[in-house]
Amino acid sequence: LEDNAYAVLSSLDAEGYLARAVYSNDPRLLEALLNSVLPVGYGYNCTVYGEDWSRIFSVEARGYDPYRAGSAVYVLLGYNGTLSVRYVVLSISGG
């Protein structure tokens, strides 16, 4: 599950979608993106943290079970030329 979580975040980042959702502080966009790439049988929690690891926002859907989950941390360094570190933690359960 950890590899799947990282692959999802990496794919969304490569297409420019992850940074757009994260830096616009848009949980609805992030949830829509995750729903579009994760198979229906997977629950998830995705939490975005600031540079000091303070929680900015999170989304959780599809019956996510933290006791049966694997997680990945993905680091974004900035957006549109502005340095602003964000940590994106995606935990996936199910499958």
N, C-alpha and C. Protein backbone atom coordinates (compact mmCIF):
# COMPACT_ATOMS: atom_id res chain seq x y z
N LEU A 1 0.82 -1.21 0.00
CA LEU A 1 0.00 0.00 0.00
C LEU A 1 0.86 1.27 0.00
N GLU A 2 2.01 1.18 0.67
CA GLU A 2 2.89 2.36 0.71
C GLU A 2 3.35 2.76 -0.69
N ASP A 3 3.74 1.75 -1.48
CA ASP A 3 4.18 2.04 -2.86
C ASP A 3 3.06 2.64 -3.69
N ASN A 4 1.84 2.13 -3.51
CA ASN A 4 0.69 2.68 -4.23
C ASN A 4 0.44 4.13 -3.84
N ALA A 5 0.53 4.41 -2.54
CA ALA A 5 0.29 5.77 -2.06
C ALA A 5 1.31 6.74 -2.67
N TYR A 6 2.58 6.33 -2.67
CA TYR A 6 3.61 7.20 -3.24
C TYR A 6 3.40 7.37 -4.74
N ALA A 7 3.04 6.30 -5.43
CA ALA A 7 2.83 6.37 -6.88
C ALA A 7 1.68 7.32 -7.22
N VAL A 8 0.62 7.30 -6.43
CA VAL A 8 -0.51 8.20 -6.65
C VAL A 8 -0.07 9.65 -6.51
N LEU A 9 0.63 9.96 -5.42
CA LEU A 9 1.08 11.34 -5.20
C LEU A 9 2.06 11.79 -6.26
N SER A 10 2.98 10.91 -6.63
CA SER A 10 3.97 11.24 -7.65
C SER A 10 3.30 11.51 -9.00
N SER A 11 2.33 10.70 -9.35
CA SER A 11 1.61 10.88 -10.61
C SER A 11 0.85 12.20 -10.63
N LEU A 12 0.15 12.49 -9.54
CA LEU A 12 -0.59 13.76 -9.48
C LEU A 12 0.36 14.96 -9.51
N ASP A 13 1.53 14.81 -8.90
CA ASP A 13 2.52 15.89 -8.92
C ASP A 13 3.07 16.09 -10.33
N ALA A 14 3.38 15.01 -11.01
CA ALA A 14 3.95 15.10 -12.36
C ALA A 14 3.01 15.83 -13.32
N GLU A 15 1.71 15.69 -13.08
CA GLU A 15 0.72 16.34 -13.94
C GLU A 15 0.39 17.76 -13.48
N GLY A 16 0.96 18.19 -12.34
CA GLY A 16 0.72 19.53 -11.83
C GLY A 16 -0.52 19.68 -10.97
N TYR A 17 -1.28 18.59 -10.82
CA TYR A 17 -2.54 18.67 -10.08
C TYR A 17 -2.36 18.73 -8.57
N LEU A 18 -1.38 18.00 -8.06
CA LEU A 18 -1.20 17.93 -6.62
C LEU A 18 -0.87 19.30 -6.04
N ALA A 19 0.09 19.99 -6.65
CA ALA A 19 0.47 21.32 -6.15
C ALA A 19 -0.71 22.29 -6.22
N ARG A 20 -1.48 22.21 -7.28
CA ARG A 20 -2.63 23.12 -7.42
C ARG A 20 -3.61 22.93 -6.26
N ALA A 21 -3.92 21.68 -5.93
CA ALA A 21 -4.86 21.41 -4.83
C ALA A 21 -4.26 21.81 -3.48
N VAL A 22 -3.00 21.46 -3.28
CA VAL A 22 -2.35 21.72 -1.99
C VAL A 22 -2.18 23.21 -1.73
N TYR A 23 -1.64 23.94 -2.69
CA TYR A 23 -1.33 25.35 -2.45
C TYR A 23 -2.55 26.26 -2.55
N SER A 24 -3.65 25.75 -3.10
CA SER A 24 -4.89 26.53 -3.08
C SER A 24 -5.72 26.17 -1.84
N ASN A 25 -5.17 25.29 -0.99
CA ASN A 25 -5.87 24.84 0.23
C ASN A 25 -7.28 24.37 -0.10
N ASP A 26 -7.38 23.54 -1.12
CA ASP A 26 -8.68 23.11 -1.63
C ASP A 26 -8.92 21.62 -1.38
N PRO A 27 -9.50 21.26 -0.22
CA PRO A 27 -9.72 19.85 0.07
C PRO A 27 -10.68 19.18 -0.91
N ARG A 28 -11.63 19.91 -1.45
CA ARG A 28 -12.57 19.31 -2.40
C ARG A 28 -11.85 18.91 -3.70
N LEU A 29 -10.93 19.75 -4.15
CA LEU A 29 -10.16 19.41 -5.34
C LEU A 29 -9.26 18.21 -5.07
N LEU A 30 -8.61 18.20 -3.92
CA LEU A 30 -7.74 17.08 -3.57
C LEU A 30 -8.55 15.78 -3.50
N GLU A 31 -9.71 15.83 -2.89
CA GLU A 31 -10.55 14.64 -2.81
C GLU A 31 -10.99 14.17 -4.20
N ALA A 32 -11.36 15.10 -5.07
CA ALA A 32 -11.76 14.73 -6.43
C ALA A 32 -10.60 14.09 -7.19
N LEU A 33 -9.41 14.63 -7.02
CA LEU A 33 -8.23 14.06 -7.68
C LEU A 33 -7.95 12.65 -7.19
N LEU A 34 -7.98 12.46 -5.88
CA LEU A 34 -7.72 11.15 -5.32
C LEU A 34 -8.79 10.14 -5.75
N ASN A 35 -10.04 10.58 -5.76
CA ASN A 35 -11.12 9.70 -6.21
C ASN A 35 -10.96 9.30 -7.66
N SER A 36 -10.33 10.15 -8.45
CA SER A 36 -10.17 9.86 -9.87
C SER A 36 -9.04 8.87 -10.15
N VAL A 37 -8.09 8.74 -9.23
CA VAL A 37 -6.94 7.86 -9.49
C VAL A 37 -6.90 6.60 -8.63
N LEU A 38 -7.56 6.61 -7.48
CA LEU A 38 -7.57 5.42 -6.62
C LEU A 38 -8.76 4.53 -6.97
N PRO A 39 -8.54 3.23 -7.10
CA PRO A 39 -9.66 2.32 -7.36
C PRO A 39 -10.70 2.40 -6.24
N VAL A 40 -11.94 2.11 -6.57
CA VAL A 40 -13.06 2.26 -5.65
C VAL A 40 -12.87 1.46 -4.35
N GLY A 41 -12.21 0.34 -4.37
CA GLY A 41 -12.06 -0.49 -3.18
C GLY A 41 -11.09 0.03 -2.13
N TYR A 42 -10.47 1.16 -2.37
CA TYR A 42 -9.49 1.71 -1.44
C TYR A 42 -10.06 2.91 -0.69
N GLY A 43 -9.91 2.87 0.64
CA GLY A 43 -10.21 4.04 1.46
C GLY A 43 -8.93 4.83 1.64
N TYR A 44 -9.06 6.10 1.99
CA TYR A 44 -7.85 6.90 2.15
C TYR A 44 -8.04 8.07 3.10
N ASN A 45 -6.92 8.53 3.63
CA ASN A 45 -6.83 9.78 4.36
C ASN A 45 -5.63 10.50 3.78
N CYS A 46 -5.81 11.74 3.42
CA CYS A 46 -4.71 12.55 2.90
C CYS A 46 -4.65 13.83 3.71
N THR A 47 -3.52 14.06 4.35
CA THR A 47 -3.35 15.24 5.20
C THR A 47 -2.19 16.06 4.68
N VAL A 48 -2.41 17.37 4.63
CA VAL A 48 -1.40 18.32 4.17
C VAL A 48 -0.88 19.08 5.38
N TYR A 49 0.45 19.12 5.50
CA TYR A 49 1.11 19.81 6.61
C TYR A 49 2.01 20.92 6.07
N GLY A 50 2.19 21.95 6.89
CA GLY A 50 3.10 23.03 6.55
C GLY A 50 4.54 22.66 6.87
N GLU A 51 5.42 23.59 6.63
CA GLU A 51 6.86 23.37 6.82
C GLU A 51 7.19 22.93 8.24
N ASP A 52 6.42 23.42 9.22
CA ASP A 52 6.66 23.06 10.63
C ASP A 52 5.82 21.86 11.07
N TRP A 53 5.24 21.15 10.11
CA TRP A 53 4.40 19.99 10.34
C TRP A 53 3.08 20.33 11.03
N SER A 54 2.65 21.57 10.94
CA SER A 54 1.33 21.92 11.44
C SER A 54 0.30 21.52 10.38
N ARG A 55 -0.80 20.92 10.83
CA ARG A 55 -1.83 20.43 9.91
C ARG A 55 -2.53 21.59 9.23
N ILE A 56 -2.63 21.54 7.91
CA ILE A 56 -3.32 22.58 7.15
C ILE A 56 -4.73 22.12 6.80
N PHE A 57 -4.85 20.95 6.20
CA PHE A 57 -6.17 20.36 5.96
C PHE A 57 -6.02 18.89 5.64
N SER A 58 -7.13 18.17 5.71
CA SER A 58 -7.10 16.75 5.35
C SER A 58 -8.44 16.35 4.75
N VAL A 59 -8.40 15.25 4.01
CA VAL A 59 -9.60 14.63 3.46
C VAL A 59 -9.55 13.14 3.76
N GLU A 60 -10.72 12.58 4.02
CA GLU A 60 -10.81 11.16 4.29
C GLU A 60 -12.06 10.63 3.61
N ALA A 61 -11.96 9.47 2.97
CA ALA A 61 -13.10 8.96 2.22
C ALA A 61 -13.07 7.45 2.10
N ARG A 62 -14.22 6.92 1.72
CA ARG A 62 -14.39 5.52 1.33
C ARG A 62 -14.12 4.52 2.44
N GLY A 63 -14.47 4.86 3.67
CA GLY A 63 -14.30 3.90 4.76
C GLY A 63 -12.86 3.62 5.12
N TYR A 64 -12.04 4.63 5.10
CA TYR A 64 -10.62 4.49 5.45
C TYR A 64 -10.45 3.83 6.81
N ASP A 65 -9.57 2.84 6.89
CA ASP A 65 -9.28 2.11 8.13
C ASP A 65 -7.80 2.31 8.49
N PRO A 66 -7.51 3.17 9.47
CA PRO A 66 -6.11 3.45 9.81
C PRO A 66 -5.35 2.24 10.34
N TYR A 67 -6.06 1.21 10.81
CA TYR A 67 -5.40 0.03 11.36
C TYR A 67 -4.97 -0.96 10.28
N ARG A 68 -5.43 -0.73 9.05
CA ARG A 68 -5.07 -1.61 7.93
C ARG A 68 -4.58 -0.77 6.76
N ALA A 69 -3.75 0.21 7.06
CA ALA A 69 -3.35 1.17 6.03
C ALA A 69 -1.83 1.21 5.85
N GLY A 70 -1.43 1.65 4.68
CA GLY A 70 -0.04 1.95 4.39
C GLY A 70 0.04 3.40 3.96
N SER A 71 1.14 4.06 4.29
CA SER A 71 1.25 5.50 4.06
C SER A 71 2.52 5.88 3.32
N ALA A 72 2.46 7.05 2.70
CA ALA A 72 3.63 7.64 2.05
C ALA A 72 3.63 9.14 2.32
N VAL A 73 4.83 9.68 2.46
CA VAL A 73 5.00 11.13 2.62
C VAL A 73 5.60 11.67 1.34
N TYR A 74 5.01 12.75 0.84
CA TYR A 74 5.48 13.38 -0.39
C TYR A 74 5.76 14.85 -0.08
N VAL A 75 6.90 15.35 -0.50
CA VAL A 75 7.30 16.72 -0.18
C VAL A 75 7.17 17.61 -1.42
N LEU A 76 6.45 18.70 -1.26
CA LEU A 76 6.37 19.74 -2.29
C LEU A 76 7.17 20.94 -1.78
N LEU A 77 8.01 21.49 -2.64
CA LEU A 77 8.89 22.57 -2.21
C LEU A 77 8.35 23.96 -2.47
N GLY A 78 7.36 24.08 -3.33
CA GLY A 78 6.79 25.39 -3.61
C GLY A 78 5.90 25.35 -4.83
N TYR A 79 5.38 26.52 -5.17
CA TYR A 79 4.42 26.61 -6.27
C TYR A 79 4.58 27.95 -6.97
N ASN A 80 4.58 27.91 -8.28
CA ASN A 80 4.70 29.13 -9.10
C ASN A 80 5.90 29.98 -8.71
N GLY A 81 7.03 29.33 -8.46
CA GLY A 81 8.26 30.05 -8.17
C GLY A 81 8.41 30.53 -6.74
N THR A 82 7.47 30.18 -5.86
CA THR A 82 7.54 30.60 -4.47
C THR A 82 7.90 29.41 -3.60
N LEU A 83 8.97 29.54 -2.82
CA LEU A 83 9.39 28.48 -1.91
C LEU A 83 8.40 28.40 -0.75
N SER A 84 7.78 27.25 -0.57
CA SER A 84 6.81 27.04 0.50
C SER A 84 6.63 25.54 0.66
N VAL A 85 7.32 24.97 1.63
CA VAL A 85 7.33 23.52 1.81
C VAL A 85 5.98 23.03 2.33
N ARG A 86 5.50 21.95 1.72
CA ARG A 86 4.30 21.25 2.17
C ARG A 86 4.61 19.75 2.19
N TYR A 87 4.16 19.10 3.25
CA TYR A 87 4.26 17.64 3.36
C TYR A 87 2.86 17.08 3.13
N VAL A 88 2.76 16.16 2.20
CA VAL A 88 1.48 15.53 1.90
C VAL A 88 1.59 14.05 2.30
N VAL A 89 0.75 13.64 3.26
CA VAL A 89 0.77 12.27 3.75
C VAL A 89 -0.51 11.58 3.27
N LEU A 90 -0.33 10.56 2.43
CA LEU A 90 -1.45 9.79 1.93
C LEU A 90 -1.41 8.40 2.55
N SER A 91 -2.48 8.04 3.24
CA SER A 91 -2.62 6.71 3.81
C SER A 91 -3.76 6.01 3.07
N ILE A 92 -3.50 4.77 2.64
CA ILE A 92 -4.48 4.01 1.88
C ILE A 92 -4.78 2.71 2.63
N SER A 93 -6.05 2.34 2.67
CA SER A 93 -6.45 1.06 3.23
C SER A 93 -7.33 0.32 2.23
N GLY A 94 -7.45 -0.97 2.41
CA GLY A 94 -8.32 -1.75 1.52
C GLY A 94 -7.56 -2.38 0.37
N GLY A 95 -8.31 -2.64 -0.68
CA GLY A 95 -7.68 -3.18 -1.86
C GLY A 95 -8.11 -4.57 -2.19
